[in-house]
Amino acid sequence: MTAKKKDSGSKDVSDMFLLNTNFEAWTCDQLAEYFKQKTGDLGGDYSELIFNHKIDGKIAHRLKESDLKDMGISNVGDRLRIMQEIEKIEKAYEQKKREQVVWEGKEVLFFNWWDRALSTCCGCFPEDASTYKLTGAHLVIKTVNPLRCGPIRCCFGTKYTIDNVDLSNVTDVDVKGVPPSCCQQCCCGATQEHVFVKTNAEATKVLKLTKEEGSSVSRKILNQVELMQRMERS
């Protein structure tokens, strides 16, 4: 029972090492050294084979057992031990891709400076804009709800919610142009673009952005949705 706990802990440490390491930048020699260290005394030294076949950190996650056979690694145990490490590299690669930030932005609250001045009493009672972050797998929306005494913001009790929208559940992304009022246009009010993200289970999410930014962001979201749903199908 103790041995299992130790193996599990060792595995967690190995996984965290890969997540915190830029293994895609490893050279052939560095990758060979990693395999040698991880396979232990039972594993063979295949540094020359890895170097001759130009296998580096950029493509290590794509290796299959048939590739190891083609490289000339005939020992079954060595292949299995190396494949075990390749699977860890592949999982770390996929997790990094899912967590990679594609875009970050902030909610546009006002149409112009006059709108901001009226809404916040010339900045005395500021509003907190939501923040948006698009990663490989999620659209993250952070909404801040400060504690207020009437319009006055307190220096304590601030609450916030973080909504993680799973892109594999997104069904549609639309953009709507929202123009300023006639009075706001007279004071250089700028049109906003609201991005509506529809999902299978949750309510529609709305991102309030500047003109043209909304269209650009909607394309980014759709691209990531397509990638995620393709991964789900495969």
C-alpha atoms as a PDB file:
ATOM      1  CA  MET A   1       0.000   0.000   0.000  1.00  0.00           C
ATOM      2  CA  THR A   2       2.862   2.340   0.845  1.00  0.00           C
ATOM      3  CA  ALA A   3       4.574   1.564  -2.457  1.00  0.00           C
ATOM      4  CA  LYS A   4       1.473   2.600  -4.397  1.00  0.00           C
ATOM      5  CA  LYS A   5       1.361   5.939  -2.639  1.00  0.00           C
ATOM      6  CA  LYS A   6       5.002   6.506  -3.395  1.00  0.00           C
ATOM      7  CA  ASP A   7       4.527   5.665  -7.095  1.00  0.00           C
ATOM      8  CA  SER A   8       1.521   7.979  -7.289  1.00  0.00           C
ATOM      9  CA  GLY A   9       3.472  10.818  -5.699  1.00  0.00           C
ATOM     10  CA  SER A  10       6.400  10.234  -8.036  1.00  0.00           C
ATOM     11  CA  LYS A  11       4.033  10.345 -11.009  1.00  0.00           C
ATOM     12  CA  ASP A  12       2.518  13.640  -9.832  1.00  0.00           C
ATOM     13  CA  VAL A  13       5.984  15.183  -9.464  1.00  0.00           C
ATOM     14  CA  SER A  14       6.912  14.013 -12.971  1.00  0.00           C
ATOM     15  CA  ASP A  15       3.713  15.460 -14.438  1.00  0.00           C
ATOM     16  CA  MET A  16       4.254  18.811 -12.706  1.00  0.00           C
ATOM     17  CA  PHE A  17       7.852  18.881 -13.932  1.00  0.00           C
ATOM     18  CA  LEU A  18       6.670  18.576 -17.537  1.00  0.00           C
ATOM     19  CA  LEU A  19       3.960  21.210 -17.084  1.00  0.00           C
ATOM     20  CA  ASN A  20       6.502  23.669 -15.676  1.00  0.00           C
ATOM     21  CA  THR A  21       9.187  22.870 -18.241  1.00  0.00           C
ATOM     22  CA  ASN A  22       9.481  24.079 -21.817  1.00  0.00           C
ATOM     23  CA  PHE A  23      10.145  20.564 -23.102  1.00  0.00           C
ATOM     24  CA  GLU A  24       9.303  21.632 -26.662  1.00  0.00           C
ATOM     25  CA  ALA A  25      12.633  23.478 -26.684  1.00  0.00           C
ATOM     26  CA  TRP A  26      14.605  20.354 -25.764  1.00  0.00           C
ATOM     27  CA  THR A  27      17.322  19.272 -28.164  1.00  0.00           C
ATOM     28  CA  CYS A  28      17.784  15.658 -29.247  1.00  0.00           C
ATOM     29  CA  ASP A  29      20.446  15.194 -26.564  1.00  0.00           C
ATOM     30  CA  GLN A  30      18.249  16.661 -23.820  1.00  0.00           C
ATOM     31  CA  LEU A  31      15.323  14.431 -24.805  1.00  0.00           C
ATOM     32  CA  ALA A  32      17.564  11.365 -24.851  1.00  0.00           C
ATOM     33  CA  GLU A  33      18.908  12.261 -21.400  1.00  0.00           C
ATOM     34  CA  TYR A  34      15.342  12.660 -20.088  1.00  0.00           C
ATOM     35  CA  PHE A  35      14.351   9.199 -21.360  1.00  0.00           C
ATOM     36  CA  LYS A  36      17.542   7.724 -19.894  1.00  0.00           C
ATOM     37  CA  GLN A  37      16.838   9.216 -16.450  1.00  0.00           C
ATOM     38  CA  LYS A  38      13.181   8.206 -16.409  1.00  0.00           C
ATOM     39  CA  THR A  39      13.576   4.627 -17.643  1.00  0.00           C
ATOM     40  CA  GLY A  40      16.166   3.934 -14.937  1.00  0.00           C
ATOM     41  CA  ASP A  41      18.775   1.186 -14.856  1.00  0.00           C
ATOM     42  CA  LEU A  42      16.534  -1.203 -16.808  1.00  0.00           C
ATOM     43  CA  GLY A  43      16.301   1.150 -19.800  1.00  0.00           C
ATOM     44  CA  GLY A  44      18.889   1.243 -22.553  1.00  0.00           C
ATOM     45  CA  ASP A  45      20.782   4.275 -23.830  1.00  0.00           C
ATOM     46  CA  TYR A  46      19.249   5.307 -27.148  1.00  0.00           C
ATOM     47  CA  SER A  47      20.850   8.737 -27.405  1.00  0.00           C
ATOM     48  CA  GLU A  48      22.467   7.943 -30.751  1.00  0.00           C
ATOM     49  CA  LEU A  49      19.217   6.644 -32.259  1.00  0.00           C
ATOM     50  CA  ILE A  50      17.267   9.706 -31.095  1.00  0.00           C
ATOM     51  CA  PHE A  51      19.949  12.012 -32.477  1.00  0.00           C
ATOM     52  CA  ASN A  52      20.205  10.157 -35.801  1.00  0.00           C
ATOM     53  CA  HIS A  53      16.433  10.304 -36.313  1.00  0.00           C
ATOM     54  CA  LYS A  54      16.320  13.987 -35.278  1.00  0.00           C
ATOM     55  CA  ILE A  55      13.752  13.493 -32.512  1.00  0.00           C
ATOM     56  CA  ASP A  56      13.591  16.611 -30.333  1.00  0.00           C
ATOM     57  CA  GLY A  57      11.138  18.111 -27.852  1.00  0.00           C
ATOM     58  CA  LYS A  58       8.931  19.639 -30.547  1.00  0.00           C
ATOM     59  CA  ILE A  59       7.850  16.276 -31.948  1.00  0.00           C
ATOM     60  CA  ALA A  60       8.368  13.924 -28.984  1.00  0.00           C
ATOM     61  CA  HIS A  61       4.657  13.978 -28.081  1.00  0.00           C
ATOM     62  CA  ARG A  62       3.780  12.575 -31.529  1.00  0.00           C
ATOM     63  CA  LEU A  63       5.888   9.426 -31.221  1.00  0.00           C
ATOM     64  CA  LYS A  64       4.100   6.065 -31.405  1.00  0.00           C
ATOM     65  CA  GLU A  65       5.358   2.597 -30.549  1.00  0.00           C
ATOM     66  CA  SER A  66       5.619   1.811 -34.271  1.00  0.00           C
ATOM     67  CA  ASP A  67       7.998   4.780 -34.608  1.00  0.00           C
ATOM     68  CA  LEU A  68      10.231   3.329 -31.894  1.00  0.00           C
ATOM     69  CA  LYS A  69      10.316   0.039 -33.805  1.00  0.00           C
ATOM     70  CA  ASP A  70      11.260   1.881 -37.001  1.00  0.00           C
ATOM     71  CA  MET A  71      14.060   3.603 -35.096  1.00  0.00           C
ATOM     72  CA  GLY A  72      15.476   0.194 -34.197  1.00  0.00           C
ATOM     73  CA  ILE A  73      14.449  -0.103 -30.535  1.00  0.00           C
ATOM     74  CA  SER A  74      13.796  -3.841 -30.522  1.00  0.00           C
ATOM     75  CA  ASN A  75      13.581  -4.446 -26.772  1.00  0.00           C
ATOM     76  CA  VAL A  76       9.895  -4.590 -25.796  1.00  0.00           C
ATOM     77  CA  GLY A  77      10.487  -3.465 -22.207  1.00  0.00           C
ATOM     78  CA  ASP A  78      12.486  -0.440 -23.327  1.00  0.00           C
ATOM     79  CA  ARG A  79       9.780   0.531 -25.804  1.00  0.00           C
ATOM     80  CA  LEU A  80       7.081   0.308 -23.145  1.00  0.00           C
ATOM     81  CA  ARG A  81       9.108   2.340 -20.667  1.00  0.00           C
ATOM     82  CA  ILE A  82       9.805   5.027 -23.268  1.00  0.00           C
ATOM     83  CA  MET A  83       6.146   5.054 -24.385  1.00  0.00           C
ATOM     84  CA  GLN A  84       5.112   5.579 -20.766  1.00  0.00           C
ATOM     85  CA  GLU A  85       7.173   8.773 -20.702  1.00  0.00           C
ATOM     86  CA  ILE A  86       5.943   9.840 -24.145  1.00  0.00           C
ATOM     87  CA  GLU A  87       2.344   9.554 -22.916  1.00  0.00           C
ATOM     88  CA  LYS A  88       3.204  11.895 -20.024  1.00  0.00           C
ATOM     89  CA  ILE A  89       4.753  14.354 -22.475  1.00  0.00           C
ATOM     90  CA  GLU A  90       1.675  14.123 -24.706  1.00  0.00           C
ATOM     91  CA  LYS A  91      -0.681  14.810 -21.779  1.00  0.00           C
ATOM     92  CA  ALA A  92       1.421  17.778 -20.660  1.00  0.00           C
ATOM     93  CA  TYR A  93       1.479  19.108 -24.240  1.00  0.00           C
ATOM     94  CA  GLU A  94      -2.327  18.863 -24.531  1.00  0.00           C
ATOM     95  CA  GLN A  95      -2.862  20.509 -21.136  1.00  0.00           C
ATOM     96  CA  LYS A  96      -0.575  23.396 -22.075  1.00  0.00           C
ATOM     97  CA  LYS A  97      -2.513  23.831 -25.315  1.00  0.00           C
ATOM     98  CA  ARG A  98      -5.810  23.897 -23.411  1.00  0.00           C
ATOM     99  CA  GLU A  99      -4.493  26.463 -20.926  1.00  0.00           C
ATOM    100  CA  GLN A 100      -2.687  28.649 -23.464  1.00  0.00           C
ATOM    101  CA  VAL A 101      -4.131  32.189 -23.484  1.00  0.00           C
ATOM    102  CA  VAL A 102      -5.403  33.140 -26.945  1.00  0.00           C
ATOM    103  CA  TRP A 103      -6.883  36.534 -26.050  1.00  0.00           C
ATOM    104  CA  GLU A 104      -7.555  38.761 -23.046  1.00  0.00           C
ATOM    105  CA  GLY A 105      -9.853  41.756 -22.829  1.00  0.00           C
ATOM    106  CA  LYS A 106     -11.986  43.959 -20.614  1.00  0.00           C
ATOM    107  CA  GLU A 107     -15.665  44.871 -20.675  1.00  0.00           C
ATOM    108  CA  VAL A 108     -16.481  48.223 -22.310  1.00  0.00           C
ATOM    109  CA  LEU A 109     -18.846  49.917 -19.866  1.00  0.00           C
ATOM    110  CA  PHE A 110     -19.331  53.336 -21.446  1.00  0.00           C
ATOM    111  CA  PHE A 111     -19.761  54.858 -24.889  1.00  0.00           C
ATOM    112  CA  ASN A 112     -17.630  57.949 -24.188  1.00  0.00           C
ATOM    113  CA  TRP A 113     -16.094  60.096 -21.471  1.00  0.00           C
ATOM    114  CA  TRP A 114     -19.406  61.905 -20.866  1.00  0.00           C
ATOM    115  CA  ASP A 115     -21.234  58.625 -20.327  1.00  0.00           C
ATOM    116  CA  ARG A 116     -18.509  57.585 -17.855  1.00  0.00           C
ATOM    117  CA  ALA A 117     -18.703  60.904 -15.989  1.00  0.00           C
ATOM    118  CA  LEU A 118     -22.490  60.704 -15.622  1.00  0.00           C
ATOM    119  CA  SER A 119     -22.510  57.039 -14.591  1.00  0.00           C
ATOM    120  CA  THR A 120     -19.712  57.314 -12.029  1.00  0.00           C
ATOM    121  CA  CYS A 121     -20.296  60.878 -10.771  1.00  0.00           C
ATOM    122  CA  CYS A 122     -17.060  62.053 -12.403  1.00  0.00           C
ATOM    123  CA  GLY A 123     -15.195  58.973 -11.201  1.00  0.00           C
ATOM    124  CA  CYS A 124     -16.199  59.241  -7.540  1.00  0.00           C
ATOM    125  CA  PHE A 125     -18.147  55.969  -7.714  1.00  0.00           C
ATOM    126  CA  PRO A 126     -16.237  53.814 -10.215  1.00  0.00           C
ATOM    127  CA  GLU A 127     -17.730  50.786 -11.926  1.00  0.00           C
ATOM    128  CA  ASP A 128     -15.835  47.508 -12.159  1.00  0.00           C
ATOM    129  CA  ALA A 129     -15.531  46.110 -15.648  1.00  0.00           C
ATOM    130  CA  SER A 130     -15.684  42.370 -16.204  1.00  0.00           C
ATOM    131  CA  THR A 131     -12.533  40.785 -17.589  1.00  0.00           C
ATOM    132  CA  TYR A 132     -12.416  38.182 -20.341  1.00  0.00           C
ATOM    133  CA  LYS A 133      -9.842  35.513 -21.109  1.00  0.00           C
ATOM    134  CA  LEU A 134      -9.973  33.030 -23.968  1.00  0.00           C
ATOM    135  CA  THR A 135      -7.837  29.908 -23.603  1.00  0.00           C
ATOM    136  CA  GLY A 136      -7.568  26.813 -25.740  1.00  0.00           C
ATOM    137  CA  ALA A 137     -10.447  25.130 -23.891  1.00  0.00           C
ATOM    138  CA  HIS A 138     -12.421  27.806 -22.002  1.00  0.00           C
ATOM    139  CA  LEU A 139     -13.799  31.310 -22.139  1.00  0.00           C
ATOM    140  CA  VAL A 140     -13.219  32.731 -18.653  1.00  0.00           C
ATOM    141  CA  ILE A 141     -15.427  35.636 -17.550  1.00  0.00           C
ATOM    142  CA  LYS A 142     -14.603  37.326 -14.241  1.00  0.00           C
ATOM    143  CA  THR A 143     -17.286  39.605 -12.796  1.00  0.00           C
ATOM    144  CA  VAL A 144     -16.534  41.789  -9.760  1.00  0.00           C
ATOM    145  CA  ASN A 145     -19.342  42.769  -7.366  1.00  0.00           C
ATOM    146  CA  PRO A 146     -18.023  45.232  -4.767  1.00  0.00           C
ATOM    147  CA  LEU A 147     -19.943  45.939  -1.576  1.00  0.00           C
ATOM    148  CA  ARG A 148     -21.532  49.389  -1.754  1.00  0.00           C
ATOM    149  CA  CYS A 149     -23.211  51.731   0.692  1.00  0.00           C
ATOM    150  CA  GLY A 150     -25.617  53.340  -1.740  1.00  0.00           C
ATOM    151  CA  PRO A 151     -23.394  54.449  -4.643  1.00  0.00           C
ATOM    152  CA  ILE A 152     -20.260  54.505  -2.459  1.00  0.00           C
ATOM    153  CA  ARG A 153     -17.903  51.588  -2.890  1.00  0.00           C
ATOM    154  CA  CYS A 154     -16.684  50.060   0.385  1.00  0.00           C
ATOM    155  CA  CYS A 155     -13.046  49.138   0.927  1.00  0.00           C
ATOM    156  CA  PHE A 156     -14.041  45.618   2.031  1.00  0.00           C
ATOM    157  CA  GLY A 157     -16.473  42.845   1.161  1.00  0.00           C
ATOM    158  CA  THR A 158     -15.749  42.700  -2.569  1.00  0.00           C
ATOM    159  CA  LYS A 159     -17.135  39.557  -4.190  1.00  0.00           C
ATOM    160  CA  TYR A 160     -16.360  38.155  -7.595  1.00  0.00           C
ATOM    161  CA  THR A 161     -17.443  35.254  -9.763  1.00  0.00           C
ATOM    162  CA  ILE A 162     -15.386  33.408 -12.355  1.00  0.00           C
ATOM    163  CA  ASP A 163     -17.429  31.729 -15.066  1.00  0.00           C
ATOM    164  CA  ASN A 164     -15.538  29.065 -17.029  1.00  0.00           C
ATOM    165  CA  VAL A 165     -17.400  28.408 -20.272  1.00  0.00           C
ATOM    166  CA  ASP A 166     -16.438  25.066 -21.814  1.00  0.00           C
ATOM    167  CA  LEU A 167     -15.850  25.764 -25.513  1.00  0.00           C
ATOM    168  CA  SER A 168     -16.865  22.232 -26.470  1.00  0.00           C
ATOM    169  CA  ASN A 169     -20.412  23.158 -25.325  1.00  0.00           C
ATOM    170  CA  VAL A 170     -20.656  26.365 -27.369  1.00  0.00           C
ATOM    171  CA  THR A 171     -23.291  26.157 -30.108  1.00  0.00           C
ATOM    172  CA  ASP A 172     -23.180  29.632 -31.650  1.00  0.00           C
ATOM    173  CA  VAL A 173     -21.337  32.961 -31.490  1.00  0.00           C
ATOM    174  CA  ASP A 174     -23.045  36.129 -32.753  1.00  0.00           C
ATOM    175  CA  VAL A 175     -22.056  39.799 -32.876  1.00  0.00           C
ATOM    176  CA  LYS A 176     -24.406  42.754 -32.492  1.00  0.00           C
ATOM    177  CA  GLY A 177     -23.415  46.364 -33.079  1.00  0.00           C
ATOM    178  CA  VAL A 178     -24.786  48.675 -30.368  1.00  0.00           C
ATOM    179  CA  PRO A 179     -24.622  52.371 -31.329  1.00  0.00           C
ATOM    180  CA  PRO A 180     -24.537  55.217 -28.796  1.00  0.00           C
ATOM    181  CA  SER A 181     -27.566  57.445 -28.351  1.00  0.00           C
ATOM    182  CA  CYS A 182     -27.937  60.648 -30.356  1.00  0.00           C
ATOM    183  CA  CYS A 183     -26.659  62.757 -27.445  1.00  0.00           C
ATOM    184  CA  GLN A 184     -23.711  60.407 -26.895  1.00  0.00           C
ATOM    185  CA  GLN A 185     -22.804  60.579 -30.580  1.00  0.00           C
ATOM    186  CA  CYS A 186     -22.623  64.363 -30.305  1.00  0.00           C
ATOM    187  CA  CYS A 187     -19.933  63.825 -27.637  1.00  0.00           C
ATOM    188  CA  CYS A 188     -17.858  61.407 -29.751  1.00  0.00           C
ATOM    189  CA  GLY A 189     -19.677  58.304 -28.540  1.00  0.00           C
ATOM    190  CA  ALA A 190     -18.322  55.129 -30.138  1.00  0.00           C
ATOM    191  CA  THR A 191     -20.302  52.091 -31.243  1.00  0.00           C
ATOM    192  CA  GLN A 192     -19.838  48.937 -29.175  1.00  0.00           C
ATOM    193  CA  GLU A 193     -19.939  45.343 -30.358  1.00  0.00           C
ATOM    194  CA  HIS A 194     -21.622  42.800 -28.108  1.00  0.00           C
ATOM    195  CA  VAL A 195     -20.590  39.182 -28.608  1.00  0.00           C
ATOM    196  CA  PHE A 196     -23.264  36.617 -27.704  1.00  0.00           C
ATOM    197  CA  VAL A 197     -21.894  33.173 -26.833  1.00  0.00           C
ATOM    198  CA  LYS A 198     -24.586  30.480 -26.759  1.00  0.00           C
ATOM    199  CA  THR A 199     -24.045  27.107 -25.088  1.00  0.00           C
ATOM    200  CA  ASN A 200     -25.911  23.829 -24.693  1.00  0.00           C
ATOM    201  CA  ALA A 201     -26.622  24.119 -20.988  1.00  0.00           C
ATOM    202  CA  GLU A 202     -25.864  27.617 -19.696  1.00  0.00           C
ATOM    203  CA  ALA A 203     -27.449  30.996 -20.333  1.00  0.00           C
ATOM    204  CA  THR A 204     -26.072  33.085 -23.183  1.00  0.00           C
ATOM    205  CA  LYS A 205     -22.882  34.940 -22.244  1.00  0.00           C
ATOM    206  CA  VAL A 206     -22.437  38.530 -23.426  1.00  0.00           C
ATOM    207  CA  LEU A 207     -19.061  40.177 -24.003  1.00  0.00           C
ATOM    208  CA  LYS A 208     -19.183  43.971 -24.389  1.00  0.00           C
ATOM    209  CA  LEU A 209     -16.316  45.156 -26.565  1.00  0.00           C
ATOM    210  CA  THR A 210     -15.286  48.026 -28.815  1.00  0.00           C
ATOM    211  CA  LYS A 211     -16.250  48.229 -32.465  1.00  0.00           C
ATOM    212  CA  GLU A 212     -14.322  45.753 -34.663  1.00  0.00           C
ATOM    213  CA  GLU A 213     -12.810  44.084 -31.605  1.00  0.00           C
ATOM    214  CA  GLY A 214     -16.046  42.144 -31.150  1.00  0.00           C
ATOM    215  CA  SER A 215     -15.874  40.726 -34.686  1.00  0.00           C
ATOM    216  CA  SER A 216     -12.226  39.779 -34.236  1.00  0.00           C
ATOM    217  CA  VAL A 217     -12.868  38.095 -30.881  1.00  0.00           C
ATOM    218  CA  SER A 218     -15.891  36.190 -32.201  1.00  0.00           C
ATOM    219  CA  ARG A 219     -13.679  34.670 -34.913  1.00  0.00           C
ATOM    220  CA  LYS A 220     -11.107  33.675 -32.290  1.00  0.00           C
ATOM    221  CA  ILE A 221     -13.805  32.030 -30.164  1.00  0.00           C
ATOM    222  CA  LEU A 222     -15.265  30.176 -33.164  1.00  0.00           C
ATOM    223  CA  ASN A 223     -11.808  28.917 -34.136  1.00  0.00           C
ATOM    224  CA  GLN A 224     -11.189  27.566 -30.638  1.00  0.00           C
ATOM    225  CA  VAL A 225     -14.688  26.051 -30.509  1.00  0.00           C
ATOM    226  CA  GLU A 226     -14.012  24.211 -33.760  1.00  0.00           C
ATOM    227  CA  LEU A 227     -10.666  22.924 -32.463  1.00  0.00           C
ATOM    228  CA  MET A 228     -12.156  21.762 -29.150  1.00  0.00           C
ATOM    229  CA  GLN A 229     -15.131  20.049 -30.766  1.00  0.00           C
ATOM    230  CA  ARG A 230     -12.814  18.343 -33.246  1.00  0.00           C
ATOM    231  CA  MET A 231     -10.756  17.042 -30.312  1.00  0.00           C
ATOM    232  CA  GLU A 232     -13.951  15.854 -28.587  1.00  0.00           C
ATOM    233  CA  ARG A 233     -14.979  13.907 -31.700  1.00  0.00           C
ATOM    234  CA  SER A 234     -11.564  12.299 -32.016  1.00  0.00           C
END
